[in-house]
């Protein structure tokens, strides 16, 4: 278990302070075309994945409409997660491409291209899904932010 000092190091340079919502980026790539491209990669890597159709205006709304409980080990209010994804749809051209028992896969048409942009988004990702950092390959916000630069898919999992 990490000490308080070690936990604060993970969230440096922000510590316990919330930096606010990251500014959106101009979407240069069609978000739906990017979603189609990522869906092909997603399915190639997961040949046993199955299609699910949901009557919802937006992919983010589909999470709540189907009663998805992916982050239940972290928080059981799916509407909160839908609201965050809806915001990412607007700010970064994100699209829901896949969901699993405890996973969420998004395509991203306007990923961060600079470290300072990526760091603000990494802080949002940490608030949304701390397991990506606590238990992922990138053990602090700075390393995770570097990973996000120009990355056209965001994947989340809750343990």
C-alpha atoms as a PDB file:
ATOM      1  CA  UNK A   1       0.000   0.000   0.000  1.00  0.00           C
ATOM      2  CA  UNK A   2       1.277   3.443  -0.920  1.00  0.00           C
ATOM      3  CA  UNK A   3       1.997   6.104   1.674  1.00  0.00           C
ATOM      4  CA  UNK A   4       0.259   9.479   1.422  1.00  0.00           C
ATOM      5  CA  UNK A   5       3.454  10.973  -0.007  1.00  0.00           C
ATOM      6  CA  UNK A   6       3.715   8.237  -2.640  1.00  0.00           C
ATOM      7  CA  UNK A   7       0.039   8.741  -3.622  1.00  0.00           C
ATOM      8  CA  UNK A   8       0.629  12.471  -4.088  1.00  0.00           C
ATOM      9  CA  UNK A   9       3.641  11.697  -6.289  1.00  0.00           C
ATOM     10  CA  UNK A  10       1.351   9.687  -8.579  1.00  0.00           C
ATOM     11  CA  UNK A  11      -0.853  12.721  -9.173  1.00  0.00           C
ATOM     12  CA  UNK A  12       1.993  15.256  -9.530  1.00  0.00           C
ATOM     13  CA  UNK A  13       2.052  18.057 -10.497  1.00  0.00           C
ATOM     14  CA  UNK A  14      -1.541  18.439  -9.252  1.00  0.00           C
ATOM     15  CA  UNK A  15      -1.368  16.557  -5.949  1.00  0.00           C
ATOM     16  CA  UNK A  16      -4.831  16.715  -4.401  1.00  0.00           C
ATOM     17  CA  UNK A  17      -5.888  19.779  -6.416  1.00  0.00           C
ATOM     18  CA  UNK A  18      -8.296  19.273  -9.310  1.00  0.00           C
ATOM     19  CA  UNK A  19      -6.900  21.124 -12.360  1.00  0.00           C
ATOM     20  CA  UNK A  20     -10.340  21.442 -13.946  1.00  0.00           C
ATOM     21  CA  UNK A  21     -11.655  20.154 -17.235  1.00  0.00           C
ATOM     22  CA  UNK A  22      -9.127  20.001 -20.063  1.00  0.00           C
ATOM     23  CA  UNK A  23      -9.859  22.336 -22.956  1.00  0.00           C
ATOM     24  CA  UNK A  24     -11.294  20.697 -26.043  1.00  0.00           C
ATOM     25  CA  UNK A  25      -9.368  20.325 -29.266  1.00  0.00           C
ATOM     26  CA  UNK A  26     -10.338  21.100 -32.816  1.00  0.00           C
ATOM     27  CA  UNK A  27     -11.484  17.896 -34.445  1.00  0.00           C
ATOM     28  CA  UNK A  28      -9.607  17.505 -37.725  1.00  0.00           C
ATOM     29  CA  UNK A  29     -10.640  13.900 -38.337  1.00  0.00           C
ATOM     30  CA  UNK A  30     -14.278  12.875 -38.693  1.00  0.00           C
ATOM     31  CA  UNK A  31     -15.143  11.286 -35.306  1.00  0.00           C
ATOM     32  CA  UNK A  32     -17.395   8.656 -36.881  1.00  0.00           C
ATOM     33  CA  UNK A  33     -14.732   7.687 -39.436  1.00  0.00           C
ATOM     34  CA  UNK A  34     -12.186   7.384 -36.607  1.00  0.00           C
ATOM     35  CA  UNK A  35     -14.641   5.210 -34.659  1.00  0.00           C
ATOM     36  CA  UNK A  36     -15.056   2.932 -37.672  1.00  0.00           C
ATOM     37  CA  UNK A  37     -11.283   2.669 -38.095  1.00  0.00           C
ATOM     38  CA  UNK A  38     -10.746   1.872 -34.408  1.00  0.00           C
ATOM     39  CA  UNK A  39     -13.647  -0.607 -34.407  1.00  0.00           C
ATOM     40  CA  UNK A  40     -11.849  -2.589 -37.105  1.00  0.00           C
ATOM     41  CA  UNK A  41      -8.673  -2.714 -34.992  1.00  0.00           C
ATOM     42  CA  UNK A  42     -10.700  -3.501 -31.873  1.00  0.00           C
ATOM     43  CA  UNK A  43     -12.447  -6.434 -33.565  1.00  0.00           C
ATOM     44  CA  UNK A  44      -9.229  -7.735 -35.125  1.00  0.00           C
ATOM     45  CA  UNK A  45      -7.702  -7.899 -31.630  1.00  0.00           C
ATOM     46  CA  UNK A  46     -10.879  -9.356 -30.099  1.00  0.00           C
ATOM     47  CA  UNK A  47     -12.450 -11.738 -32.630  1.00  0.00           C
ATOM     48  CA  UNK A  48     -14.960 -12.994 -30.065  1.00  0.00           C
ATOM     49  CA  UNK A  49     -16.456  -9.517 -29.465  1.00  0.00           C
ATOM     50  CA  UNK A  50     -20.124  -9.169 -30.335  1.00  0.00           C
ATOM     51  CA  UNK A  51     -22.166  -6.295 -31.708  1.00  0.00           C
ATOM     52  CA  UNK A  52     -24.705  -4.628 -29.464  1.00  0.00           C
ATOM     53  CA  UNK A  53     -27.286  -2.163 -30.730  1.00  0.00           C
ATOM     54  CA  UNK A  54     -28.759   0.353 -28.319  1.00  0.00           C
ATOM     55  CA  UNK A  55     -31.486   2.893 -28.948  1.00  0.00           C
ATOM     56  CA  UNK A  56     -29.737   6.062 -27.777  1.00  0.00           C
ATOM     57  CA  UNK A  57     -28.983   9.433 -29.299  1.00  0.00           C
ATOM     58  CA  UNK A  58     -25.263   9.189 -28.475  1.00  0.00           C
ATOM     59  CA  UNK A  59     -22.875   6.414 -27.515  1.00  0.00           C
ATOM     60  CA  UNK A  60     -22.360   7.970 -24.094  1.00  0.00           C
ATOM     61  CA  UNK A  61     -26.099   7.763 -23.468  1.00  0.00           C
ATOM     62  CA  UNK A  62     -26.104   4.091 -24.465  1.00  0.00           C
ATOM     63  CA  UNK A  63     -24.020   3.278 -21.368  1.00  0.00           C
ATOM     64  CA  UNK A  64     -26.822   4.411 -19.087  1.00  0.00           C
ATOM     65  CA  UNK A  65     -29.609   3.142 -21.356  1.00  0.00           C
ATOM     66  CA  UNK A  66     -28.357  -0.453 -21.103  1.00  0.00           C
ATOM     67  CA  UNK A  67     -27.569  -0.217 -17.398  1.00  0.00           C
ATOM     68  CA  UNK A  68     -23.850  -0.802 -17.930  1.00  0.00           C
ATOM     69  CA  UNK A  69     -22.136  -1.436 -14.602  1.00  0.00           C
ATOM     70  CA  UNK A  70     -18.503  -1.501 -15.727  1.00  0.00           C
ATOM     71  CA  UNK A  71     -17.126   0.850 -13.078  1.00  0.00           C
ATOM     72  CA  UNK A  72     -19.280  -0.535 -10.249  1.00  0.00           C
ATOM     73  CA  UNK A  73     -16.181  -1.351  -8.162  1.00  0.00           C
ATOM     74  CA  UNK A  74     -15.314   2.357  -8.291  1.00  0.00           C
ATOM     75  CA  UNK A  75     -18.724   4.050  -8.438  1.00  0.00           C
ATOM     76  CA  UNK A  76     -22.165   2.716  -9.242  1.00  0.00           C
ATOM     77  CA  UNK A  77     -23.681   5.829 -10.868  1.00  0.00           C
ATOM     78  CA  UNK A  78     -23.452   5.003 -14.564  1.00  0.00           C
ATOM     79  CA  UNK A  79     -25.056   8.335 -15.470  1.00  0.00           C
ATOM     80  CA  UNK A  80     -21.973  10.119 -14.119  1.00  0.00           C
ATOM     81  CA  UNK A  81     -19.742   8.111 -16.436  1.00  0.00           C
ATOM     82  CA  UNK A  82     -22.082   8.772 -19.351  1.00  0.00           C
ATOM     83  CA  UNK A  83     -21.862  12.504 -18.647  1.00  0.00           C
ATOM     84  CA  UNK A  84     -18.061  12.428 -18.726  1.00  0.00           C
ATOM     85  CA  UNK A  85     -18.014  10.433 -21.972  1.00  0.00           C
ATOM     86  CA  UNK A  86     -20.590  12.837 -23.444  1.00  0.00           C
ATOM     87  CA  UNK A  87     -18.230  15.705 -22.619  1.00  0.00           C
ATOM     88  CA  UNK A  88     -15.338  13.854 -24.289  1.00  0.00           C
ATOM     89  CA  UNK A  89     -17.543  13.300 -27.350  1.00  0.00           C
ATOM     90  CA  UNK A  90     -17.947  17.068 -27.591  1.00  0.00           C
ATOM     91  CA  UNK A  91     -14.392  18.112 -26.696  1.00  0.00           C
ATOM     92  CA  UNK A  92     -12.301  15.376 -28.348  1.00  0.00           C
ATOM     93  CA  UNK A  93     -14.547  13.654 -30.881  1.00  0.00           C
ATOM     94  CA  UNK A  94     -14.638  10.508 -28.704  1.00  0.00           C
ATOM     95  CA  UNK A  95     -16.981   7.664 -29.632  1.00  0.00           C
ATOM     96  CA  UNK A  96     -17.925   4.554 -27.659  1.00  0.00           C
ATOM     97  CA  UNK A  97     -16.594   1.586 -29.627  1.00  0.00           C
ATOM     98  CA  UNK A  98     -16.765  -1.189 -27.062  1.00  0.00           C
ATOM     99  CA  UNK A  99     -17.842  -1.997 -23.550  1.00  0.00           C
ATOM    100  CA  UNK A 100     -17.238  -5.050 -21.458  1.00  0.00           C
ATOM    101  CA  UNK A 101     -17.934  -6.264 -17.971  1.00  0.00           C
ATOM    102  CA  UNK A 102     -15.490  -3.721 -16.526  1.00  0.00           C
ATOM    103  CA  UNK A 103     -14.023  -2.057 -19.613  1.00  0.00           C
ATOM    104  CA  UNK A 104     -14.768   0.879 -21.857  1.00  0.00           C
ATOM    105  CA  UNK A 105     -13.147   1.511 -25.243  1.00  0.00           C
ATOM    106  CA  UNK A 106     -13.350   4.882 -26.979  1.00  0.00           C
ATOM    107  CA  UNK A 107     -12.049   6.123 -30.297  1.00  0.00           C
ATOM    108  CA  UNK A 108     -10.686   9.677 -30.164  1.00  0.00           C
ATOM    109  CA  UNK A 109     -10.636  11.944 -33.214  1.00  0.00           C
ATOM    110  CA  UNK A 110      -8.762  14.801 -31.497  1.00  0.00           C
ATOM    111  CA  UNK A 111      -6.272  13.348 -28.998  1.00  0.00           C
ATOM    112  CA  UNK A 112      -3.801  15.609 -27.200  1.00  0.00           C
ATOM    113  CA  UNK A 113      -0.728  16.479 -29.225  1.00  0.00           C
ATOM    114  CA  UNK A 114       1.334  18.288 -26.601  1.00  0.00           C
ATOM    115  CA  UNK A 115       2.442  17.294 -23.087  1.00  0.00           C
ATOM    116  CA  UNK A 116       0.524  20.072 -21.310  1.00  0.00           C
ATOM    117  CA  UNK A 117      -2.718  19.124 -23.098  1.00  0.00           C
ATOM    118  CA  UNK A 118      -2.144  15.467 -22.336  1.00  0.00           C
ATOM    119  CA  UNK A 119      -1.453  16.144 -18.653  1.00  0.00           C
ATOM    120  CA  UNK A 120      -4.816  17.864 -18.190  1.00  0.00           C
ATOM    121  CA  UNK A 121      -6.561  14.948 -19.926  1.00  0.00           C
ATOM    122  CA  UNK A 122      -4.587  12.446 -17.840  1.00  0.00           C
ATOM    123  CA  UNK A 123      -5.962  14.123 -14.701  1.00  0.00           C
ATOM    124  CA  UNK A 124      -9.501  13.655 -16.057  1.00  0.00           C
ATOM    125  CA  UNK A 125      -8.771  10.018 -16.852  1.00  0.00           C
ATOM    126  CA  UNK A 126      -7.448   9.493 -13.322  1.00  0.00           C
ATOM    127  CA  UNK A 127     -10.642  10.942 -11.830  1.00  0.00           C
ATOM    128  CA  UNK A 128     -12.729   8.809 -14.213  1.00  0.00           C
ATOM    129  CA  UNK A 129     -10.775   5.566 -13.838  1.00  0.00           C
ATOM    130  CA  UNK A 130      -7.887   5.581 -11.351  1.00  0.00           C
ATOM    131  CA  UNK A 131      -7.124   1.918 -12.084  1.00  0.00           C
ATOM    132  CA  UNK A 132      -5.656   2.977 -15.445  1.00  0.00           C
ATOM    133  CA  UNK A 133      -2.844   4.569 -13.470  1.00  0.00           C
ATOM    134  CA  UNK A 134      -2.826   2.786 -10.106  1.00  0.00           C
ATOM    135  CA  UNK A 135      -2.689  -0.622 -11.785  1.00  0.00           C
ATOM    136  CA  UNK A 136      -1.651   0.172 -15.355  1.00  0.00           C
ATOM    137  CA  UNK A 137       1.700   0.284 -17.071  1.00  0.00           C
ATOM    138  CA  UNK A 138       2.001   4.058 -16.494  1.00  0.00           C
ATOM    139  CA  UNK A 139       2.202   4.591 -12.743  1.00  0.00           C
ATOM    140  CA  UNK A 140       1.864   8.372 -12.552  1.00  0.00           C
ATOM    141  CA  UNK A 141       0.064  11.165 -14.405  1.00  0.00           C
ATOM    142  CA  UNK A 142       3.158  12.371 -16.214  1.00  0.00           C
ATOM    143  CA  UNK A 143       3.972   8.947 -17.695  1.00  0.00           C
ATOM    144  CA  UNK A 144       0.309   8.345 -18.519  1.00  0.00           C
ATOM    145  CA  UNK A 145       0.080  11.770 -20.198  1.00  0.00           C
ATOM    146  CA  UNK A 146       3.060  10.949 -22.421  1.00  0.00           C
ATOM    147  CA  UNK A 147       1.279   7.753 -23.436  1.00  0.00           C
ATOM    148  CA  UNK A 148      -1.862   9.713 -24.417  1.00  0.00           C
ATOM    149  CA  UNK A 149      -0.125  12.010 -26.906  1.00  0.00           C
ATOM    150  CA  UNK A 150      -1.586  11.370 -30.384  1.00  0.00           C
ATOM    151  CA  UNK A 151      -3.345   8.209 -29.129  1.00  0.00           C
ATOM    152  CA  UNK A 152      -6.603   7.707 -31.056  1.00  0.00           C
ATOM    153  CA  UNK A 153      -8.139   5.262 -28.577  1.00  0.00           C
ATOM    154  CA  UNK A 154      -8.714   5.535 -24.875  1.00  0.00           C
ATOM    155  CA  UNK A 155      -9.276   2.331 -22.940  1.00  0.00           C
ATOM    156  CA  UNK A 156     -10.466   2.109 -19.362  1.00  0.00           C
ATOM    157  CA  UNK A 157     -10.823  -0.796 -16.978  1.00  0.00           C
ATOM    158  CA  UNK A 158     -12.007  -0.971 -13.416  1.00  0.00           C
ATOM    159  CA  UNK A 159     -10.735  -3.721 -11.154  1.00  0.00           C
END
